[in-house]
Protein backbone atom coordinates (compact mmCIF):
# COMPACT_ATOMS: atom_id res chain seq x y z
CA UNK A 1 -50.04 -30.78 -72.33
CA UNK A 2 -46.13 -31.43 -72.50
CA UNK A 3 -43.91 -30.20 -69.67
CA UNK A 4 -41.48 -27.32 -71.91
CA UNK A 5 -45.09 -26.38 -72.86
CA UNK A 6 -45.67 -25.16 -69.80
CA UNK A 7 -44.51 -21.88 -69.39
CA UNK A 8 -43.39 -20.02 -65.90
CA UNK A 9 -43.92 -21.81 -62.80
CA UNK A 10 -46.10 -19.93 -60.37
CA UNK A 11 -43.53 -18.92 -58.13
CA UNK A 12 -41.03 -17.23 -61.02
CA UNK A 13 -43.85 -14.45 -62.26
CA UNK A 14 -42.40 -11.99 -59.68
CA UNK A 15 -38.81 -11.96 -60.81
CA UNK A 16 -39.48 -12.62 -64.38
CA UNK A 17 -41.96 -9.04 -64.38
CA UNK A 18 -39.20 -7.46 -62.62
CA UNK A 19 -36.52 -8.71 -65.11
CA UNK A 20 -38.77 -7.60 -68.09
CA UNK A 21 -40.14 -4.52 -67.19
CA UNK A 22 -38.36 -3.63 -64.69
CA UNK A 23 -34.76 -4.14 -65.46
CA UNK A 24 -34.84 -4.81 -69.30
CA UNK A 25 -37.26 -2.35 -69.87
CA UNK A 26 -39.70 -3.77 -72.20
CA UNK A 27 -43.15 -4.37 -72.62
CA UNK A 28 -45.67 -6.91 -73.66
CA UNK A 29 -46.30 -5.93 -76.89
CA UNK A 30 -42.09 -7.40 -77.58
CA UNK A 31 -41.18 -9.92 -79.42
CA UNK A 32 -38.29 -12.16 -78.06
CA UNK A 33 -35.75 -13.93 -80.14
CA UNK A 34 -36.78 -17.36 -79.32
CA UNK A 35 -40.83 -16.87 -78.48
CA UNK A 36 -43.49 -18.40 -79.96
CA UNK A 37 -45.67 -15.05 -79.28
CA UNK A 38 -45.39 -11.46 -77.87
CA UNK A 39 -43.75 -11.36 -74.19
CA UNK A 40 -47.42 -10.36 -73.59
CA UNK A 41 -48.68 -13.98 -74.69
CA UNK A 42 -45.87 -16.07 -73.93
CA UNK A 43 -46.76 -14.33 -69.79
CA UNK A 44 -50.45 -15.20 -70.09
CA UNK A 45 -49.89 -18.97 -71.48
CA UNK A 46 -51.03 -21.67 -69.06
CA UNK A 47 -48.13 -22.71 -65.80
CA UNK A 48 -47.42 -25.73 -64.09
CA UNK A 49 -48.53 -24.83 -60.16
CA UNK A 50 -47.67 -26.45 -57.09
CA UNK A 51 -50.35 -25.68 -54.52
CA UNK A 52 -52.71 -29.38 -55.42
CA UNK A 53 -49.89 -31.00 -54.30
CA UNK A 54 -48.28 -29.01 -51.50
CA UNK A 55 -51.31 -27.52 -49.52
CA UNK A 56 -52.44 -31.66 -48.57
CA UNK A 57 -48.71 -32.21 -46.88
CA UNK A 58 -49.01 -29.39 -45.26
CA UNK A 59 -52.41 -29.54 -43.67
CA UNK A 60 -51.29 -32.72 -42.59
CA UNK A 61 -48.17 -32.03 -40.18
């Protein structure tokens, strides 16, 4: 998987939902220029999760 194919990062979903659905009034069926699928399909793409790299560091403190 290439970095640009990773979709949103885990900490970006709350803000993305607020902006896309609450502020802009979009729905999961909407098409947005520049995206390959519907908004819902794009939000379901695999995302980058930092927990596996961060949790060991937090446990070592």
